[in-house]
Amino acid sequence: MKNPIRLLIILLLFNSCEDVINLDLPVDKQFLVIETHIDYTPELTLRNYVKLSLSTSFYQEINDPVGDAKVTLEDLTNNRNYNFTHSNNGIYILDNFTPEFNRDYRLTITYKDELYQSTTEQLIPCVPISKLEQGDGTLFSGNEKEVKVSFTDDGSRDDFYLFRFASNSFLVTEDRFYQGNTFNFSYFYDEDSAENDIIVSIFGITERYYNYMDIIISQTDDRGNPFGGTAANPRGNIKNITNPENYPLGYFQLSETYSQSLSLQ
């Protein structure tokens, strides 16, 4: 490789810890899986939604959708509630809502007469991707396509980032080693499976969500589904208030996000 920084990213992206709950899930035992997408990009209207499903066995990648729950986003700062509407396949939509900074939000879900409730969270700021381009480097097989990513960190705060490269491909990084500076790294797509047109997104996240996703990513690298059954499931920030032993899997997070598209050659 021409640039050693491409290898440095491997050391930076996966270096956190979190309490892990080791589960031996029975075949007939299912947990509620909560996947939230409540994001903000200046001057854009984004689709806010929550996806609910029931966990499956470790060897089954497609979860069973849940369509009969009640999902509500609470704005605790302004004492206002926003109700989601079920669309299909366990996806609950929240129209005409834009999260704001410095407000306290909480997610509540009622399913089968049990109340699930998240911790109080705020919208986390982010910085945009400053440059996205295709490189000519490879990794091991020589059949990869290199994508170079650059962004400039905000030096006034400690930041944690989540990158999404495809529907089920994620990376996390923190600014401990590049605070206030421009950071460059490479991501490699499999040439045989990579689409011609890709979208890369960056999300501002909390330190706890960074730790959570770090474990999720490491557990699902070989399976491709970060929201299916895993060998070890970290606890998220959503609890079952009614029946604590029947805890959910998932996390409630609000993120400022930016995306860029690129056509691969």
Protein backbone atom coordinates (compact mmCIF):
# COMPACT_ATOMS: atom_id res chain seq x y z
CA MET A 1 0.00 0.00 0.00
CA LYS A 2 1.11 3.53 -0.70
CA ASN A 3 -0.30 5.03 2.51
CA PRO A 4 0.16 3.42 5.96
CA ILE A 5 -2.86 5.34 7.34
CA ARG A 6 -5.09 2.76 5.65
CA LEU A 7 -3.91 0.19 8.15
CA LEU A 8 -4.13 2.57 11.11
CA ILE A 9 -7.92 2.72 10.79
CA ILE A 10 -8.16 -0.93 11.84
CA LEU A 11 -6.56 -0.03 15.17
CA LEU A 12 -8.72 3.03 15.73
CA LEU A 13 -12.14 1.67 14.86
CA PHE A 14 -12.40 -1.18 17.33
CA ASN A 15 -10.94 -0.25 20.69
CA SER A 16 -13.73 0.09 23.25
CA CYS A 17 -15.38 -2.10 25.86
CA GLU A 18 -18.88 -2.73 27.21
CA ASP A 19 -20.52 -5.14 29.64
CA VAL A 20 -21.61 -8.17 27.65
CA ILE A 21 -24.49 -10.47 28.49
CA ASN A 22 -23.78 -13.98 27.20
CA LEU A 23 -27.01 -15.60 26.08
CA ASP A 24 -27.87 -19.18 25.26
CA LEU A 25 -31.17 -18.40 23.54
CA PRO A 26 -33.73 -21.20 23.37
CA VAL A 27 -35.27 -21.74 19.98
CA ASP A 28 -38.72 -20.70 21.22
CA LYS A 29 -37.52 -17.66 23.19
CA GLN A 30 -37.84 -14.41 21.27
CA PHE A 31 -36.83 -10.90 22.31
CA LEU A 32 -38.17 -7.63 20.96
CA VAL A 33 -35.56 -6.06 18.65
CA ILE A 34 -35.75 -2.26 18.41
CA GLU A 35 -33.96 -0.48 15.56
CA THR A 36 -34.28 3.33 15.60
CA HIS A 37 -33.59 5.83 12.83
CA ILE A 38 -34.20 9.35 14.11
CA ASP A 39 -31.70 11.58 12.37
CA TYR A 40 -31.11 15.21 11.43
CA THR A 41 -29.37 16.83 8.47
CA PRO A 42 -29.56 20.64 8.09
CA GLU A 43 -31.89 21.78 5.30
CA LEU A 44 -33.08 18.24 4.57
CA THR A 45 -36.22 16.36 5.55
CA LEU A 46 -35.29 12.85 6.64
CA ARG A 47 -37.51 9.81 7.12
CA ASN A 48 -37.72 9.03 10.82
CA TYR A 49 -38.74 5.51 11.68
CA VAL A 50 -38.49 2.68 14.19
CA LYS A 51 -38.30 -0.95 13.08
CA LEU A 52 -39.59 -3.64 15.43
CA SER A 53 -39.04 -7.37 15.11
CA LEU A 54 -38.63 -10.50 17.17
CA SER A 55 -35.18 -12.05 17.49
CA THR A 56 -34.44 -15.33 15.77
CA SER A 57 -31.82 -18.00 16.29
CA PHE A 58 -28.16 -17.21 15.69
CA TYR A 59 -28.27 -19.03 12.37
CA GLN A 60 -31.33 -17.22 11.00
CA GLU A 61 -30.64 -13.76 9.60
CA ILE A 62 -34.18 -12.48 8.98
CA ASN A 63 -36.18 -11.45 12.05
CA ASP A 64 -39.95 -11.73 12.39
CA PRO A 65 -41.59 -8.26 12.01
CA VAL A 66 -43.83 -6.82 14.74
CA GLY A 67 -46.81 -4.81 13.50
CA ASP A 68 -49.07 -4.51 16.53
CA ALA A 69 -47.10 -2.26 18.89
CA LYS A 70 -47.61 1.35 19.95
CA VAL A 71 -44.52 3.52 19.44
CA THR A 72 -44.19 7.05 20.87
CA LEU A 73 -41.39 9.62 20.95
CA GLU A 74 -41.57 11.88 24.00
CA ASP A 75 -40.16 15.41 23.90
CA LEU A 76 -39.59 15.80 27.64
CA THR A 77 -38.32 19.37 27.30
CA ASN A 78 -41.57 20.62 25.78
CA ASN A 79 -43.87 17.97 27.29
CA ARG A 80 -45.06 16.78 23.88
CA ASN A 81 -45.59 13.29 22.45
CA TYR A 82 -45.23 12.12 18.84
CA ASN A 83 -46.93 8.89 17.79
CA PHE A 84 -45.49 6.65 15.09
CA THR A 85 -47.73 5.00 12.49
CA HIS A 86 -47.14 1.41 11.40
CA SER A 87 -46.40 1.18 7.68
CA ASN A 88 -45.49 -2.44 6.93
CA ASN A 89 -43.03 -5.17 7.90
CA GLY A 90 -42.62 -3.81 11.42
CA ILE A 91 -41.65 -0.29 10.27
CA TYR A 92 -43.23 2.59 12.20
CA ILE A 93 -43.07 6.02 10.55
CA LEU A 94 -42.93 9.44 12.23
CA ASP A 95 -43.85 12.17 9.74
CA ASN A 96 -43.39 15.93 10.08
CA PHE A 97 -40.86 15.72 12.88
CA THR A 98 -37.33 17.14 13.08
CA PRO A 99 -35.26 16.58 16.24
CA GLU A 100 -33.60 19.62 17.79
CA PHE A 101 -30.42 20.07 19.79
CA ASN A 102 -30.49 20.52 23.58
CA ARG A 103 -33.84 18.79 23.99
CA ASP A 104 -34.51 15.64 25.98
CA TYR A 105 -36.17 12.78 24.12
CA ARG A 106 -37.37 9.37 25.22
CA LEU A 107 -38.74 6.43 23.25
CA THR A 108 -41.63 4.37 24.63
CA ILE A 109 -43.07 1.20 23.12
CA THR A 110 -46.06 -0.83 24.26
CA TYR A 111 -46.13 -4.41 23.00
CA LYS A 112 -48.21 -7.30 24.34
CA ASP A 113 -49.20 -5.24 27.40
CA GLU A 114 -45.58 -4.60 28.32
CA LEU A 115 -44.00 -1.14 28.43
CA TYR A 116 -40.52 -0.61 26.98
CA GLN A 117 -38.78 2.68 27.71
CA SER A 118 -35.42 4.18 26.75
CA THR A 119 -33.12 6.41 28.72
CA THR A 120 -33.35 10.12 28.03
CA GLU A 121 -31.23 11.08 25.02
CA GLN A 122 -30.37 14.24 23.06
CA LEU A 123 -29.54 14.88 19.42
CA ILE A 124 -25.77 14.37 18.97
CA PRO A 125 -23.92 16.76 16.60
CA CYS A 126 -21.73 15.60 13.73
CA VAL A 127 -19.43 16.96 11.03
CA PRO A 128 -19.87 16.41 7.28
CA ILE A 129 -17.73 14.18 5.08
CA SER A 130 -15.30 16.55 3.39
CA LYS A 131 -14.08 14.22 0.65
CA LEU A 132 -15.14 10.88 -0.81
CA GLU A 133 -13.23 9.31 -3.68
CA GLN A 134 -12.22 5.97 -5.14
CA GLY A 135 -8.64 4.82 -4.68
CA ASP A 136 -6.60 2.08 -6.35
CA GLY A 137 -5.50 0.16 -3.25
CA THR A 138 -6.45 -3.41 -2.35
CA LEU A 139 -6.34 -5.60 0.75
CA PHE A 140 -5.86 -9.36 0.62
CA SER A 141 -7.47 -10.89 -2.46
CA GLY A 142 -6.75 -7.98 -4.78
CA ASN A 143 -10.42 -7.94 -5.81
CA GLU A 144 -11.48 -5.07 -3.55
CA LYS A 145 -12.51 -1.55 -4.46
CA GLU A 146 -11.01 1.15 -2.26
CA VAL A 147 -13.07 4.13 -1.09
CA LYS A 148 -11.17 7.00 0.57
CA VAL A 149 -13.01 8.99 3.22
CA SER A 150 -11.97 12.33 4.74
CA PHE A 151 -13.60 14.48 7.41
CA THR A 152 -12.48 17.24 9.80
CA ASP A 153 -13.21 16.73 13.47
CA ASP A 154 -14.60 19.50 15.69
CA GLY A 155 -11.83 20.22 18.18
CA SER A 156 -14.14 21.86 20.73
CA ARG A 157 -15.64 18.58 21.96
CA ASP A 158 -15.02 14.84 22.27
CA ASP A 159 -16.69 13.12 19.32
CA PHE A 160 -17.73 9.58 18.50
CA TYR A 161 -18.77 8.61 14.98
CA LEU A 162 -20.62 5.82 13.25
CA PHE A 163 -20.05 5.24 9.52
CA ARG A 164 -22.49 3.33 7.34
CA PHE A 165 -21.10 2.07 4.03
CA ALA A 166 -23.91 -0.25 3.00
CA SER A 167 -27.17 -1.44 4.53
CA ASN A 168 -25.38 -3.77 6.94
CA SER A 169 -21.78 -2.48 6.91
CA PHE A 170 -20.76 -0.19 9.78
CA LEU A 171 -17.60 1.19 11.38
CA VAL A 172 -17.12 3.23 14.56
CA THR A 173 -14.34 5.63 15.44
CA GLU A 174 -13.55 8.25 18.11
CA ASP A 175 -11.51 11.44 17.82
CA ARG A 176 -9.05 10.65 20.62
CA PHE A 177 -6.09 10.53 18.22
CA TYR A 178 -7.18 13.20 15.72
CA GLN A 179 -9.21 15.74 17.70
CA GLY A 180 -9.65 18.96 15.72
CA ASN A 181 -7.78 17.56 12.72
CA THR A 182 -8.66 16.13 9.33
CA PHE A 183 -8.79 12.35 9.41
CA ASN A 184 -8.41 10.13 6.34
CA PHE A 185 -9.05 6.42 6.05
CA SER A 186 -9.95 3.79 3.47
CA TYR A 187 -12.81 1.33 3.32
CA PHE A 188 -12.76 -1.63 0.95
CA TYR A 189 -15.74 -3.09 -0.90
CA ASP A 190 -15.72 -6.60 -2.30
CA GLU A 191 -15.49 -6.09 -6.06
CA ASP A 192 -17.94 -8.92 -6.76
CA SER A 193 -20.68 -7.62 -4.46
CA ALA A 194 -20.14 -3.85 -4.53
CA GLU A 195 -22.80 -1.77 -6.23
CA ASN A 196 -21.75 0.78 -8.82
CA ASP A 197 -23.32 3.66 -6.90
CA ILE A 198 -22.69 3.80 -3.16
CA ILE A 199 -23.73 6.11 -0.33
CA VAL A 200 -21.48 6.69 2.68
CA SER A 201 -23.01 8.25 5.81
CA ILE A 202 -21.48 9.62 9.01
CA PHE A 203 -23.46 9.88 12.29
CA GLY A 204 -22.66 11.69 15.52
CA ILE A 205 -23.18 9.27 18.42
CA THR A 206 -22.72 9.06 22.19
CA GLU A 207 -19.80 7.26 23.79
CA ARG A 208 -22.11 4.57 25.13
CA TYR A 209 -23.62 3.96 21.70
CA TYR A 210 -20.09 3.82 20.29
CA ASN A 211 -19.25 1.04 22.77
CA TYR A 212 -22.51 -0.73 22.00
CA MET A 213 -22.02 -0.67 18.23
CA ASP A 214 -18.38 -1.71 18.56
CA ILE A 215 -19.54 -4.97 20.13
CA ILE A 216 -22.43 -5.44 17.70
CA ILE A 217 -20.11 -4.98 14.71
CA SER A 218 -17.51 -7.41 16.05
CA GLN A 219 -20.21 -10.01 16.70
CA THR A 220 -21.80 -9.74 13.26
CA ASP A 221 -18.83 -9.25 10.93
CA ASP A 222 -19.26 -12.72 9.48
CA ARG A 223 -23.05 -12.69 9.35
CA GLY A 224 -23.91 -9.33 7.83
CA ASN A 225 -26.98 -8.60 10.00
CA PRO A 226 -26.25 -6.33 12.97
CA PHE A 227 -29.83 -6.61 14.23
CA GLY A 228 -30.27 -10.38 14.19
CA GLY A 229 -29.41 -12.91 16.85
CA THR A 230 -25.78 -12.72 17.98
CA ALA A 231 -23.56 -14.92 20.09
CA ALA A 232 -23.29 -12.19 22.75
CA ASN A 233 -25.77 -9.34 23.08
CA PRO A 234 -24.75 -6.08 24.78
CA ARG A 235 -27.52 -4.37 26.70
CA GLY A 236 -28.79 -1.22 25.02
CA ASN A 237 -30.43 1.80 26.63
CA ILE A 238 -34.02 0.49 26.39
CA LYS A 239 -35.59 -1.46 29.26
CA ASN A 240 -38.74 -3.47 29.75
CA ILE A 241 -40.40 -1.58 32.61
CA THR A 242 -43.20 -4.11 33.06
CA ASN A 243 -41.09 -7.27 32.96
CA PRO A 244 -37.34 -6.53 33.29
CA GLU A 245 -36.34 -10.14 32.58
CA ASN A 246 -37.95 -9.89 29.14
CA TYR A 247 -35.53 -7.17 28.09
CA PRO A 248 -35.34 -5.90 24.48
CA LEU A 249 -32.39 -5.82 22.10
CA GLY A 250 -31.56 -2.50 20.49
CA TYR A 251 -30.70 1.11 21.14
CA PHE A 252 -32.35 4.54 21.02
CA GLN A 253 -30.11 7.18 19.43
CA LEU A 254 -30.67 10.57 17.77
CA SER A 255 -27.91 11.65 15.38
CA GLU A 256 -26.96 14.53 13.18
CA THR A 257 -25.86 12.84 9.96
CA TYR A 258 -24.34 13.65 6.58
CA SER A 259 -24.07 11.53 3.44
CA GLN A 260 -22.18 11.55 0.17
CA SER A 261 -22.61 9.38 -2.90
CA LEU A 262 -19.93 7.98 -5.18
CA SER A 263 -19.97 6.05 -8.46
CA LEU A 264 -17.42 3.23 -8.42
CA GLN A 265 -15.50 2.38 -11.57
